[in-house]
Amino acid sequence: MSALFPVVLDLSGWPCAVLGGGPMAEEKVRCLLASGARVTVIAENLVAPLEELAALGRIEWRAQAPRIEDLAGFRLVISALGDGKANADFAQEAEGLRILFNAADDPAHCRFLLPSVHRQGDLMIAVSTSGRCPALAVRLREKFEREFGPHYAEFLELCSDFRARIAAAIHDFGARRRLWYRLVDSPALRLLGEGRREEAQAAMDALLARAIGEEAA
């Protein structure tokens, strides 16, 4: 297998399909919904949580066995059928239609793989073993969950405000880059982890003021 190309997709508004209606399908559906995709589930039966999502209008449900011709019109399809022969047929059709295709627990029939993901607000850490050992990816994600807590999300919220302020005040690219590393290496993250948001904000403000002074000198 060639080295896989890591990419983060914006699925907002994308028509996506999940084949199958079991617990694995539910997991994939929730991931797609969280990413803003428009999700259609094609399955004869659904587990109760998916039935609820369909009743609420969160997903479209086509109550039928998935067929090859059902793939047309979607941009991304995930199979949760657990059927290698069916996955092979769907993967071939998806390739011809230039549809991104993934088959759960069947890397041989995947055009892309789904990593194990840890999220804290806008922070996303994705781990993949290229399909070799998903359990290892899960254990690594659990390690990251313990290490990267909610204060990282809070830090990124502050950085979002700082980005506009830095762009307006610091015109030299090199100076902006140095400032960002100073912010990341500053006590701000530690202070946020200790619940001291005002002090973290003050530390970041001081670094910005210092950078402005350096540019003016």
N, C-alpha and C. Protein backbone atom coordinates (compact mmCIF):
# COMPACT_ATOMS: atom_id res chain seq x y z
N MET A 1 0.84 -1.20 0.00
CA MET A 1 0.00 0.00 0.00
C MET A 1 0.88 1.25 0.00
N SER A 2 0.54 2.22 -0.85
CA SER A 2 1.25 3.48 -0.85
C SER A 2 0.96 4.23 0.45
N ALA A 3 1.84 5.17 0.78
CA ALA A 3 1.60 5.99 1.96
C ALA A 3 0.29 6.75 1.79
N LEU A 4 -0.55 6.71 2.81
CA LEU A 4 -1.84 7.38 2.74
C LEU A 4 -1.67 8.89 2.90
N PHE A 5 -2.53 9.64 2.24
CA PHE A 5 -2.48 11.10 2.30
C PHE A 5 -3.46 11.59 3.35
N PRO A 6 -2.97 12.19 4.44
CA PRO A 6 -3.88 12.67 5.49
C PRO A 6 -4.57 13.96 5.06
N VAL A 7 -5.86 14.03 5.27
CA VAL A 7 -6.62 15.22 4.87
C VAL A 7 -7.80 15.38 5.82
N VAL A 8 -8.21 16.62 6.06
CA VAL A 8 -9.39 16.91 6.88
C VAL A 8 -10.44 17.50 5.95
N LEU A 9 -11.56 16.80 5.79
CA LEU A 9 -12.59 17.20 4.84
C LEU A 9 -13.65 18.08 5.49
N ASP A 10 -14.10 19.06 4.74
CA ASP A 10 -15.28 19.84 5.13
C ASP A 10 -16.48 19.22 4.41
N LEU A 11 -17.31 18.51 5.16
CA LEU A 11 -18.46 17.81 4.56
C LEU A 11 -19.75 18.62 4.64
N SER A 12 -19.66 19.88 4.99
CA SER A 12 -20.87 20.70 5.14
C SER A 12 -21.72 20.64 3.87
N GLY A 13 -22.95 20.15 4.03
CA GLY A 13 -23.88 20.10 2.91
C GLY A 13 -23.66 18.96 1.94
N TRP A 14 -22.64 18.15 2.13
CA TRP A 14 -22.39 17.03 1.21
C TRP A 14 -23.47 15.97 1.36
N PRO A 15 -24.00 15.45 0.24
CA PRO A 15 -24.90 14.30 0.32
C PRO A 15 -24.08 13.02 0.54
N CYS A 16 -24.28 12.40 1.68
CA CYS A 16 -23.52 11.21 2.05
C CYS A 16 -24.49 10.07 2.39
N ALA A 17 -24.05 8.85 2.15
CA ALA A 17 -24.91 7.69 2.42
C ALA A 17 -24.20 6.71 3.33
N VAL A 18 -24.97 6.06 4.17
CA VAL A 18 -24.49 4.95 4.99
C VAL A 18 -25.33 3.73 4.62
N LEU A 19 -24.65 2.66 4.28
CA LEU A 19 -25.32 1.41 3.89
C LEU A 19 -25.38 0.50 5.11
N GLY A 20 -26.59 0.14 5.51
CA GLY A 20 -26.77 -0.67 6.70
C GLY A 20 -27.40 0.16 7.81
N GLY A 21 -28.09 -0.54 8.73
CA GLY A 21 -28.81 0.18 9.78
C GLY A 21 -28.53 -0.30 11.18
N GLY A 22 -27.38 -0.97 11.38
CA GLY A 22 -27.04 -1.51 12.69
C GLY A 22 -26.24 -0.55 13.55
N PRO A 23 -25.69 -1.05 14.67
CA PRO A 23 -24.91 -0.19 15.57
C PRO A 23 -23.70 0.46 14.90
N MET A 24 -23.01 -0.27 14.02
CA MET A 24 -21.88 0.33 13.32
C MET A 24 -22.34 1.47 12.42
N ALA A 25 -23.47 1.27 11.76
CA ALA A 25 -24.02 2.33 10.92
C ALA A 25 -24.36 3.56 11.76
N GLU A 26 -24.91 3.33 12.95
CA GLU A 26 -25.25 4.46 13.81
C GLU A 26 -24.01 5.29 14.14
N GLU A 27 -22.90 4.61 14.45
CA GLU A 27 -21.65 5.32 14.77
C GLU A 27 -21.21 6.19 13.59
N LYS A 28 -21.27 5.64 12.38
CA LYS A 28 -20.85 6.40 11.20
C LYS A 28 -21.80 7.57 10.93
N VAL A 29 -23.09 7.33 11.11
CA VAL A 29 -24.08 8.39 10.88
C VAL A 29 -23.83 9.57 11.81
N ARG A 30 -23.57 9.28 13.07
CA ARG A 30 -23.36 10.38 14.03
C ARG A 30 -22.10 11.17 13.69
N CYS A 31 -21.07 10.50 13.23
CA CYS A 31 -19.85 11.21 12.82
C CYS A 31 -20.13 12.12 11.63
N LEU A 32 -20.89 11.62 10.67
CA LEU A 32 -21.21 12.43 9.49
C LEU A 32 -22.09 13.63 9.85
N LEU A 33 -23.08 13.41 10.71
CA LEU A 33 -23.94 14.51 11.12
C LEU A 33 -23.15 15.59 11.85
N ALA A 34 -22.21 15.16 12.70
CA ALA A 34 -21.39 16.12 13.43
C ALA A 34 -20.53 16.96 12.50
N SER A 35 -20.27 16.43 11.30
CA SER A 35 -19.46 17.15 10.31
C SER A 35 -20.30 17.97 9.35
N GLY A 36 -21.61 18.01 9.57
CA GLY A 36 -22.47 18.85 8.74
C GLY A 36 -22.96 18.22 7.46
N ALA A 37 -22.76 16.91 7.30
CA ALA A 37 -23.18 16.24 6.08
C ALA A 37 -24.70 16.04 6.06
N ARG A 38 -25.25 15.92 4.86
CA ARG A 38 -26.65 15.51 4.68
C ARG A 38 -26.65 13.99 4.50
N VAL A 39 -27.23 13.29 5.46
CA VAL A 39 -27.04 11.84 5.55
C VAL A 39 -28.29 11.07 5.15
N THR A 40 -28.09 10.11 4.27
CA THR A 40 -29.13 9.15 3.90
C THR A 40 -28.68 7.77 4.35
N VAL A 41 -29.55 7.05 5.03
CA VAL A 41 -29.27 5.67 5.43
C VAL A 41 -30.10 4.74 4.56
N ILE A 42 -29.43 3.78 3.96
CA ILE A 42 -30.11 2.82 3.10
C ILE A 42 -30.04 1.46 3.77
N ALA A 43 -31.16 1.01 4.29
CA ALA A 43 -31.21 -0.25 5.04
C ALA A 43 -32.66 -0.68 5.20
N GLU A 44 -32.87 -1.97 5.25
CA GLU A 44 -34.24 -2.47 5.44
C GLU A 44 -34.75 -2.17 6.84
N ASN A 45 -33.84 -2.23 7.83
CA ASN A 45 -34.22 -1.99 9.22
C ASN A 45 -33.18 -1.10 9.89
N LEU A 46 -33.61 -0.37 10.92
CA LEU A 46 -32.71 0.51 11.66
C LEU A 46 -32.73 0.16 13.14
N VAL A 47 -31.58 0.33 13.79
CA VAL A 47 -31.58 0.26 15.25
C VAL A 47 -32.36 1.46 15.77
N ALA A 48 -32.85 1.35 16.99
CA ALA A 48 -33.75 2.37 17.55
C ALA A 48 -33.19 3.79 17.47
N PRO A 49 -31.91 4.03 17.80
CA PRO A 49 -31.41 5.41 17.73
C PRO A 49 -31.47 5.99 16.32
N LEU A 50 -31.25 5.17 15.31
CA LEU A 50 -31.35 5.67 13.93
C LEU A 50 -32.81 5.91 13.55
N GLU A 51 -33.70 5.07 14.04
CA GLU A 51 -35.13 5.32 13.81
C GLU A 51 -35.54 6.68 14.37
N GLU A 52 -35.00 6.99 15.55
CA GLU A 52 -35.32 8.28 16.17
C GLU A 52 -34.79 9.44 15.34
N LEU A 53 -33.56 9.30 14.83
CA LEU A 53 -32.99 10.35 13.99
C LEU A 53 -33.82 10.55 12.72
N ALA A 54 -34.29 9.44 12.17
CA ALA A 54 -35.13 9.53 10.97
C ALA A 54 -36.46 10.22 11.28
N ALA A 55 -37.05 9.86 12.43
CA ALA A 55 -38.33 10.46 12.82
C ALA A 55 -38.19 11.96 13.07
N LEU A 56 -37.01 12.37 13.54
CA LEU A 56 -36.76 13.79 13.80
C LEU A 56 -36.37 14.55 12.54
N GLY A 57 -36.20 13.84 11.44
CA GLY A 57 -35.80 14.49 10.20
C GLY A 57 -34.32 14.79 10.10
N ARG A 58 -33.53 14.22 11.02
CA ARG A 58 -32.08 14.46 10.99
C ARG A 58 -31.42 13.69 9.86
N ILE A 59 -31.99 12.55 9.49
CA ILE A 59 -31.47 11.75 8.40
C ILE A 59 -32.63 11.34 7.50
N GLU A 60 -32.29 11.00 6.25
CA GLU A 60 -33.27 10.39 5.36
C GLU A 60 -33.08 8.88 5.41
N TRP A 61 -34.18 8.15 5.47
CA TRP A 61 -34.11 6.69 5.52
C TRP A 61 -34.78 6.10 4.29
N ARG A 62 -34.01 5.35 3.52
CA ARG A 62 -34.57 4.57 2.42
C ARG A 62 -34.72 3.14 2.92
N ALA A 63 -35.94 2.74 3.19
CA ALA A 63 -36.21 1.44 3.81
C ALA A 63 -36.16 0.33 2.77
N GLN A 64 -34.94 -0.06 2.41
CA GLN A 64 -34.74 -1.09 1.39
C GLN A 64 -33.33 -1.65 1.55
N ALA A 65 -33.09 -2.80 0.98
CA ALA A 65 -31.73 -3.32 0.93
C ALA A 65 -30.90 -2.46 -0.02
N PRO A 66 -29.67 -2.12 0.34
CA PRO A 66 -28.84 -1.28 -0.54
C PRO A 66 -28.59 -1.97 -1.88
N ARG A 67 -28.66 -1.17 -2.96
CA ARG A 67 -28.41 -1.67 -4.31
C ARG A 67 -27.31 -0.84 -4.95
N ILE A 68 -26.64 -1.43 -5.91
CA ILE A 68 -25.55 -0.73 -6.60
C ILE A 68 -26.02 0.61 -7.15
N GLU A 69 -27.20 0.62 -7.75
CA GLU A 69 -27.69 1.85 -8.38
C GLU A 69 -28.02 2.95 -7.38
N ASP A 70 -28.06 2.61 -6.09
CA ASP A 70 -28.37 3.62 -5.08
C ASP A 70 -27.24 4.61 -4.83
N LEU A 71 -26.03 4.29 -5.30
CA LEU A 71 -24.88 5.15 -4.99
C LEU A 71 -24.90 6.47 -5.75
N ALA A 72 -25.54 6.49 -6.91
CA ALA A 72 -25.52 7.70 -7.75
C ALA A 72 -26.08 8.89 -6.98
N GLY A 73 -25.38 10.01 -7.08
CA GLY A 73 -25.83 11.25 -6.45
C GLY A 73 -25.17 11.56 -5.12
N PHE A 74 -24.46 10.58 -4.56
CA PHE A 74 -23.77 10.83 -3.29
C PHE A 74 -22.30 11.17 -3.56
N ARG A 75 -21.70 11.91 -2.65
CA ARG A 75 -20.29 12.26 -2.79
C ARG A 75 -19.40 11.40 -1.90
N LEU A 76 -20.00 10.83 -0.87
CA LEU A 76 -19.25 9.96 0.05
C LEU A 76 -20.20 8.89 0.55
N VAL A 77 -19.72 7.65 0.56
CA VAL A 77 -20.54 6.51 0.99
C VAL A 77 -19.74 5.65 1.96
N ILE A 78 -20.39 5.26 3.04
CA ILE A 78 -19.79 4.35 4.01
C ILE A 78 -20.65 3.10 4.10
N SER A 79 -20.03 1.95 3.92
CA SER A 79 -20.74 0.69 4.07
C SER A 79 -20.52 0.14 5.48
N ALA A 80 -21.62 -0.16 6.15
CA ALA A 80 -21.57 -0.82 7.46
C ALA A 80 -22.29 -2.15 7.36
N LEU A 81 -22.13 -2.81 6.21
CA LEU A 81 -22.85 -4.05 5.94
C LEU A 81 -22.16 -5.28 6.52
N GLY A 82 -20.83 -5.20 6.68
CA GLY A 82 -20.11 -6.37 7.17
C GLY A 82 -20.11 -7.52 6.19
N ASP A 83 -20.19 -7.21 4.91
CA ASP A 83 -20.27 -8.22 3.85
C ASP A 83 -19.19 -7.91 2.82
N GLY A 84 -18.11 -8.71 2.82
CA GLY A 84 -16.99 -8.44 1.94
C GLY A 84 -17.34 -8.44 0.47
N LYS A 85 -18.18 -9.39 0.04
CA LYS A 85 -18.57 -9.46 -1.37
C LYS A 85 -19.36 -8.22 -1.77
N ALA A 86 -20.33 -7.84 -0.94
CA ALA A 86 -21.11 -6.64 -1.24
C ALA A 86 -20.22 -5.40 -1.23
N ASN A 87 -19.31 -5.32 -0.27
CA ASN A 87 -18.41 -4.18 -0.21
C ASN A 87 -17.58 -4.06 -1.48
N ALA A 88 -17.11 -5.18 -2.00
CA ALA A 88 -16.31 -5.16 -3.23
C ALA A 88 -17.13 -4.61 -4.39
N ASP A 89 -18.37 -5.03 -4.49
CA ASP A 89 -19.23 -4.55 -5.58
C ASP A 89 -19.52 -3.06 -5.44
N PHE A 90 -19.84 -2.63 -4.23
CA PHE A 90 -20.12 -1.21 -4.01
C PHE A 90 -18.87 -0.36 -4.23
N ALA A 91 -17.71 -0.87 -3.80
CA ALA A 91 -16.46 -0.13 -3.97
C ALA A 91 -16.15 0.07 -5.44
N GLN A 92 -16.37 -0.95 -6.25
CA GLN A 92 -16.11 -0.84 -7.68
C GLN A 92 -17.03 0.19 -8.33
N GLU A 93 -18.30 0.16 -7.95
CA GLU A 93 -19.25 1.13 -8.50
C GLU A 93 -18.88 2.55 -8.07
N ALA A 94 -18.53 2.71 -6.80
CA ALA A 94 -18.16 4.03 -6.29
C ALA A 94 -16.94 4.57 -7.01
N GLU A 95 -15.99 3.70 -7.30
CA GLU A 95 -14.78 4.14 -8.01
C GLU A 95 -15.14 4.69 -9.38
N GLY A 96 -16.04 4.01 -10.07
CA GLY A 96 -16.45 4.47 -11.39
C GLY A 96 -17.19 5.79 -11.36
N LEU A 97 -17.91 6.03 -10.27
CA LEU A 97 -18.68 7.27 -10.12
C LEU A 97 -17.88 8.36 -9.42
N ARG A 98 -16.62 8.08 -9.10
CA ARG A 98 -15.75 9.02 -8.38
C ARG A 98 -16.35 9.44 -7.04
N ILE A 99 -16.88 8.45 -6.33
CA ILE A 99 -17.43 8.66 -5.00
C ILE A 99 -16.43 8.15 -3.97
N LEU A 100 -16.17 8.93 -2.94
CA LEU A 100 -15.32 8.45 -1.85
C LEU A 100 -16.04 7.32 -1.12
N PHE A 101 -15.37 6.17 -0.98
CA PHE A 101 -16.03 5.00 -0.42
C PHE A 101 -15.20 4.41 0.72
N ASN A 102 -15.90 4.06 1.79
CA ASN A 102 -15.29 3.40 2.94
C ASN A 102 -16.16 2.22 3.34
N ALA A 103 -15.51 1.11 3.66
CA ALA A 103 -16.22 -0.06 4.17
C ALA A 103 -15.70 -0.35 5.57
N ALA A 104 -16.57 -0.30 6.55
CA ALA A 104 -16.16 -0.47 7.94
C ALA A 104 -15.50 -1.83 8.14
N ASP A 105 -14.33 -1.80 8.78
CA ASP A 105 -13.57 -3.01 9.11
C ASP A 105 -13.23 -3.84 7.88
N ASP A 106 -13.03 -3.16 6.74
CA ASP A 106 -12.71 -3.85 5.49
C ASP A 106 -11.79 -2.95 4.66
N PRO A 107 -10.55 -2.72 5.13
CA PRO A 107 -9.67 -1.74 4.48
C PRO A 107 -9.36 -2.05 3.02
N ALA A 108 -9.46 -3.30 2.62
CA ALA A 108 -9.16 -3.65 1.23
C ALA A 108 -10.12 -3.00 0.26
N HIS A 109 -11.30 -2.62 0.74
CA HIS A 109 -12.31 -2.02 -0.14
C HIS A 109 -12.58 -0.56 0.22
N CYS A 110 -11.57 0.11 0.74
CA CYS A 110 -11.72 1.51 1.14
C CYS A 110 -10.87 2.42 0.25
N ARG A 111 -11.47 3.51 -0.22
CA ARG A 111 -10.69 4.56 -0.87
C ARG A 111 -10.13 5.50 0.19
N PHE A 112 -10.77 5.57 1.35
CA PHE A 112 -10.25 6.36 2.47
C PHE A 112 -10.52 5.59 3.76
N LEU A 113 -9.73 5.88 4.79
CA LEU A 113 -9.90 5.25 6.09
C LEU A 113 -10.34 6.29 7.11
N LEU A 114 -11.05 5.84 8.12
CA LEU A 114 -11.52 6.74 9.18
C LEU A 114 -10.62 6.57 10.40
N PRO A 115 -9.94 7.63 10.81
CA PRO A 115 -9.05 7.53 11.97
C PRO A 115 -9.84 7.52 13.28
N SER A 116 -9.14 7.19 14.35
CA SER A 116 -9.69 7.37 15.69
C SER A 116 -9.42 8.81 16.09
N VAL A 117 -10.45 9.51 16.56
CA VAL A 117 -10.36 10.97 16.71
C VAL A 117 -10.65 11.40 18.14
N HIS A 118 -9.80 12.31 18.63
CA HIS A 118 -10.06 12.99 19.90
C HIS A 118 -10.31 14.46 19.60
N ARG A 119 -11.41 15.00 20.11
CA ARG A 119 -11.77 16.40 19.88
C ARG A 119 -11.90 17.15 21.19
N GLN A 120 -11.40 18.36 21.17
CA GLN A 120 -11.64 19.33 22.24
C GLN A 120 -11.92 20.66 21.54
N GLY A 121 -13.21 20.97 21.38
CA GLY A 121 -13.55 22.18 20.64
C GLY A 121 -13.00 22.09 19.23
N ASP A 122 -12.20 23.09 18.83
CA ASP A 122 -11.64 23.11 17.49
C ASP A 122 -10.37 22.27 17.36
N LEU A 123 -9.88 21.73 18.46
CA LEU A 123 -8.72 20.84 18.39
C LEU A 123 -9.18 19.45 17.98
N MET A 124 -8.54 18.90 16.96
CA MET A 124 -8.85 17.55 16.52
C MET A 124 -7.54 16.79 16.33
N ILE A 125 -7.40 15.68 17.05
CA ILE A 125 -6.22 14.83 16.91
C ILE A 125 -6.70 13.50 16.36
N ALA A 126 -6.23 13.16 15.16
CA ALA A 126 -6.66 11.94 14.49
C ALA A 126 -5.49 10.96 14.43
N VAL A 127 -5.79 9.69 14.72
CA VAL A 127 -4.77 8.64 14.72
C VAL A 127 -5.22 7.51 13.82
N SER A 128 -4.33 7.09 12.93
CA SER A 128 -4.63 5.97 12.04
C SER A 128 -3.47 4.99 12.04
N THR A 129 -3.78 3.71 11.98
CA THR A 129 -2.76 2.68 11.80
C THR A 129 -2.84 2.10 10.39
N SER A 130 -3.44 2.87 9.47
CA SER A 130 -3.60 2.45 8.07
C SER A 130 -4.36 1.13 7.97
N GLY A 131 -5.27 0.92 8.91
CA GLY A 131 -6.09 -0.27 8.88
C GLY A 131 -5.44 -1.51 9.46
N ARG A 132 -4.19 -1.38 9.93
CA ARG A 132 -3.47 -2.56 10.43
C ARG A 132 -3.95 -3.00 11.81
N CYS A 133 -4.18 -2.02 12.69
CA CYS A 133 -4.57 -2.36 14.06
C CYS A 133 -5.39 -1.22 14.65
N PRO A 134 -6.68 -1.13 14.31
CA PRO A 134 -7.51 -0.05 14.84
C PRO A 134 -7.53 0.03 16.36
N ALA A 135 -7.35 -1.11 17.04
CA ALA A 135 -7.35 -1.09 18.51
C ALA A 135 -6.22 -0.22 19.04
N LEU A 136 -5.06 -0.24 18.37
CA LEU A 136 -3.95 0.61 18.80
C LEU A 136 -4.31 2.08 18.64
N ALA A 137 -4.97 2.41 17.54
CA ALA A 137 -5.40 3.79 17.32
C ALA A 137 -6.34 4.24 18.43
N VAL A 138 -7.23 3.36 18.87
CA VAL A 138 -8.16 3.69 19.95
C VAL A 138 -7.40 3.94 21.25
N ARG A 139 -6.44 3.08 21.56
CA ARG A 139 -5.66 3.25 22.79
C ARG A 139 -4.87 4.56 22.77
N LEU A 140 -4.33 4.91 21.62
CA LEU A 140 -3.60 6.18 21.51
C LEU A 140 -4.56 7.36 21.68
N ARG A 141 -5.75 7.24 21.10
CA ARG A 141 -6.75 8.30 21.27
C ARG A 141 -7.10 8.47 22.75
N GLU A 142 -7.25 7.35 23.46
CA GLU A 142 -7.57 7.42 24.88
C GLU A 142 -6.45 8.11 25.67
N LYS A 143 -5.21 7.88 25.24
CA LYS A 143 -4.08 8.57 25.87
C LYS A 143 -4.17 10.07 25.63
N PHE A 144 -4.52 10.46 24.41
CA PHE A 144 -4.65 11.88 24.09
C PHE A 144 -5.80 12.51 24.87
N GLU A 145 -6.87 11.75 25.09
CA GLU A 145 -8.00 12.27 25.85
C GLU A 145 -7.58 12.67 27.26
N ARG A 146 -6.67 11.89 27.84
CA ARG A 146 -6.19 12.21 29.19
C ARG A 146 -5.24 13.40 29.18
N GLU A 147 -4.49 13.55 28.11
CA GLU A 147 -3.45 14.59 28.06
C GLU A 147 -3.98 15.94 27.58
N PHE A 148 -4.89 15.92 26.62
CA PHE A 148 -5.37 17.16 26.01
C PHE A 148 -6.80 17.41 26.45
N GLY A 149 -6.94 18.17 27.54
CA GLY A 149 -8.25 18.39 28.15
C GLY A 149 -8.96 19.61 27.61
N PRO A 150 -10.06 20.00 28.27
CA PRO A 150 -10.90 21.12 27.80
C PRO A 150 -10.17 22.45 27.71
N HIS A 151 -9.06 22.60 28.46
CA HIS A 151 -8.36 23.89 28.41
C HIS A 151 -7.73 24.14 27.04
N TYR A 152 -7.51 23.07 26.26
CA TYR A 152 -7.01 23.27 24.90
C TYR A 152 -8.08 23.91 24.02
N ALA A 153 -9.32 23.50 24.20
CA ALA A 153 -10.42 24.13 23.46
C ALA A 153 -10.55 25.59 23.85
N GLU A 154 -10.39 25.87 25.14
CA GLU A 154 -10.49 27.24 25.63
C GLU A 154 -9.36 28.10 25.06
N PHE A 155 -8.16 27.52 24.97
CA PHE A 155 -7.03 28.24 24.40
C PHE A 155 -7.30 28.60 22.94
N LEU A 156 -7.87 27.67 22.19
CA LEU A 156 -8.16 27.95 20.78
C LEU A 156 -9.24 29.01 20.63
N GLU A 157 -10.17 29.07 21.57
CA GLU A 157 -11.16 30.15 21.54
C GLU A 157 -10.47 31.51 21.67
N LEU A 158 -9.51 31.60 22.59
CA LEU A 158 -8.77 32.84 22.75
C LEU A 158 -7.94 33.15 21.50
N CYS A 159 -7.37 32.11 20.92
CA CYS A 159 -6.55 32.30 19.71
C CYS A 159 -7.39 32.81 18.55
N SER A 160 -8.64 32.40 18.49
CA SER A 160 -9.52 32.87 17.42
C SER A 160 -9.65 34.39 17.46
N ASP A 161 -9.81 34.92 18.67
CA ASP A 161 -9.88 36.38 18.83
C ASP A 161 -8.53 37.02 18.52
N PHE A 162 -7.45 36.36 18.95
CA PHE A 162 -6.12 36.92 18.76
C PHE A 162 -5.72 36.96 17.29
N ARG A 163 -6.21 36.04 16.49
CA ARG A 163 -5.80 36.00 15.09
C ARG A 163 -6.09 37.32 14.38
N ALA A 164 -7.29 37.85 14.58
CA ALA A 164 -7.65 39.12 13.94
C ALA A 164 -6.81 40.26 14.52
N ARG A 165 -6.59 40.25 15.82
CA ARG A 165 -5.80 41.31 16.45
C ARG A 165 -4.36 41.29 15.96
N ILE A 166 -3.80 40.10 15.84
CA ILE A 166 -2.41 39.97 15.38
C ILE A 166 -2.30 40.42 13.93
N ALA A 167 -3.25 40.01 13.09
CA ALA A 167 -3.20 40.38 11.67
C ALA A 167 -3.27 41.89 11.50
N ALA A 168 -4.04 42.56 12.36
CA ALA A 168 -4.20 44.01 12.24
C ALA A 168 -2.98 44.76 12.78
N ALA A 169 -2.31 44.18 13.78
CA ALA A 169 -1.25 44.93 14.46
C ALA A 169 0.16 44.57 14.00
N ILE A 170 0.36 43.32 13.56
CA ILE A 170 1.70 42.86 13.18
C ILE A 170 1.71 42.58 11.69
N HIS A 171 2.48 43.36 10.94
CA HIS A 171 2.42 43.26 9.48
C HIS A 171 3.49 42.35 8.90
N ASP A 172 4.55 42.12 9.63
CA ASP A 172 5.63 41.27 9.13
C ASP A 172 5.30 39.80 9.40
N PHE A 173 5.37 38.97 8.35
CA PHE A 173 5.01 37.56 8.50
C PHE A 173 5.90 36.85 9.52
N GLY A 174 7.20 37.11 9.46
CA GLY A 174 8.11 36.47 10.40
C GLY A 174 7.80 36.83 11.83
N ALA A 175 7.44 38.09 12.06
CA ALA A 175 7.10 38.53 13.42
C ALA A 175 5.81 37.87 13.89
N ARG A 176 4.84 37.74 12.99
CA ARG A 176 3.59 37.06 13.37
C ARG A 176 3.86 35.60 13.73
N ARG A 177 4.70 34.97 12.94
CA ARG A 177 5.02 33.57 13.20
C ARG A 177 5.70 33.41 14.56
N ARG A 178 6.67 34.27 14.87
CA ARG A 178 7.35 34.19 16.16
C ARG A 178 6.37 34.40 17.31
N LEU A 179 5.44 35.31 17.12
CA LEU A 179 4.46 35.59 18.17
C LEU A 179 3.58 34.38 18.43
N TRP A 180 3.15 33.71 17.37
CA TRP A 180 2.29 32.54 17.57
C TRP A 180 3.01 31.46 18.38
N TYR A 181 4.29 31.25 18.10
CA TYR A 181 5.03 30.25 18.87
C TYR A 181 5.22 30.71 20.32
N ARG A 182 5.40 32.00 20.51
CA ARG A 182 5.49 32.51 21.88
C ARG A 182 4.18 32.27 22.64
N LEU A 183 3.07 32.48 21.96
CA LEU A 183 1.76 32.26 22.60
C LEU A 183 1.58 30.80 22.99
N VAL A 184 1.92 29.90 22.06
CA VAL A 184 1.76 28.47 22.34
C VAL A 184 2.68 28.02 23.46
N ASP A 185 3.89 28.58 23.51
CA ASP A 185 4.87 28.18 24.53
C ASP A 185 4.72 28.96 25.83
N SER A 186 3.81 29.90 25.87
CA SER A 186 3.62 30.74 27.06
C SER A 186 2.91 29.97 28.17
N PRO A 187 2.78 30.56 29.36
CA PRO A 187 2.05 29.90 30.46
C PRO A 187 0.54 29.85 30.24
N ALA A 188 0.04 30.40 29.13
CA ALA A 188 -1.41 30.52 28.95
C ALA A 188 -2.13 29.18 29.06
N LEU A 189 -1.61 28.15 28.39
CA LEU A 189 -2.27 26.84 28.44
C LEU A 189 -2.31 26.30 29.87
N ARG A 190 -1.19 26.41 30.56
CA ARG A 190 -1.15 25.93 31.95
C ARG A 190 -2.14 26.69 32.82
N LEU A 191 -2.19 28.00 32.65
CA LEU A 191 -3.11 28.81 33.44
C LEU A 191 -4.56 28.44 33.16
N LEU A 192 -4.88 28.19 31.90
CA LEU A 192 -6.24 27.77 31.56
C LEU A 192 -6.56 26.43 32.20
N GLY A 193 -5.58 25.53 32.21
CA GLY A 193 -5.79 24.23 32.84
C GLY A 193 -6.03 24.33 34.33
N GLU A 194 -5.55 25.41 34.92
CA GLU A 194 -5.75 25.66 36.36
C GLU A 194 -6.98 26.52 36.62
N GLY A 195 -7.72 26.83 35.56
CA GLY A 195 -8.93 27.63 35.73
C GLY A 195 -8.67 29.11 35.88
N ARG A 196 -7.52 29.58 35.46
CA ARG A 196 -7.14 30.99 35.64
C ARG A 196 -7.19 31.71 34.29
N ARG A 197 -8.39 31.84 33.76
CA ARG A 197 -8.57 32.38 32.42
C ARG A 197 -8.11 33.83 32.30
N GLU A 198 -8.45 34.65 33.28
CA GLU A 198 -8.08 36.06 33.20
C GLU A 198 -6.56 36.23 33.15
N GLU A 199 -5.84 35.42 33.93
CA GLU A 199 -4.38 35.50 33.91
C GLU A 199 -3.83 35.01 32.58
N ALA A 200 -4.46 33.98 32.02
CA ALA A 200 -4.03 33.49 30.71
C ALA A 200 -4.23 34.56 29.65
N GLN A 201 -5.37 35.22 29.70
CA GLN A 201 -5.65 36.30 28.75
C GLN A 201 -4.63 37.42 28.91
N ALA A 202 -4.30 37.75 30.15
CA ALA A 202 -3.33 38.82 30.39
C ALA A 202 -1.95 38.45 29.86
N ALA A 203 -1.56 37.19 30.02
CA ALA A 203 -0.26 36.74 29.52
C ALA A 203 -0.21 36.85 28.00
N MET A 204 -1.30 36.51 27.34
CA MET A 204 -1.34 36.60 25.88
C MET A 204 -1.35 38.06 25.43
N ASP A 205 -2.09 38.90 26.14
CA ASP A 205 -2.11 40.34 25.82
C ASP A 205 -0.71 40.94 25.94
N ALA A 206 0.02 40.52 26.97
CA ALA A 206 1.37 41.06 27.19
C ALA A 206 2.30 40.67 26.05
N LEU A 207 2.15 39.44 25.55
CA LEU A 207 3.00 39.01 24.43
C LEU A 207 2.67 39.78 23.16
N LEU A 208 1.39 40.07 22.95
CA LEU A 208 1.01 40.85 21.77
C LEU A 208 1.56 42.27 21.89
N ALA A 209 1.45 42.87 23.06
CA ALA A 209 1.98 44.22 23.26
C ALA A 209 3.49 44.25 23.03
N ARG A 210 4.17 43.21 23.49
CA ARG A 210 5.62 43.13 23.29
C ARG A 210 5.96 43.06 21.81
N ALA A 211 5.21 42.24 21.06
CA ALA A 211 5.47 42.09 19.63
C ALA A 211 5.21 43.40 18.87
N ILE A 212 4.16 44.11 19.28
CA ILE A 212 3.87 45.40 18.65
C ILE A 212 5.01 46.38 18.90
N GLY A 213 5.53 46.37 20.13
CA GLY A 213 6.65 47.25 20.46
C GLY A 213 7.89 46.90 19.67
N GLU A 214 8.15 45.61 19.49
CA GLU A 214 9.33 45.18 18.73
C GLU A 214 9.22 45.61 17.27
N GLU A 215 8.02 45.53 16.70
CA GLU A 215 7.86 45.90 15.30
C GLU A 215 8.02 47.42 15.12
N ALA A 216 7.58 48.17 16.13
CA ALA A 216 7.67 49.63 16.03
C ALA A 216 9.09 50.14 16.24
N ALA A 217 9.91 49.33 16.92
CA ALA A 217 11.27 49.78 17.25
C ALA A 217 12.14 49.92 16.00
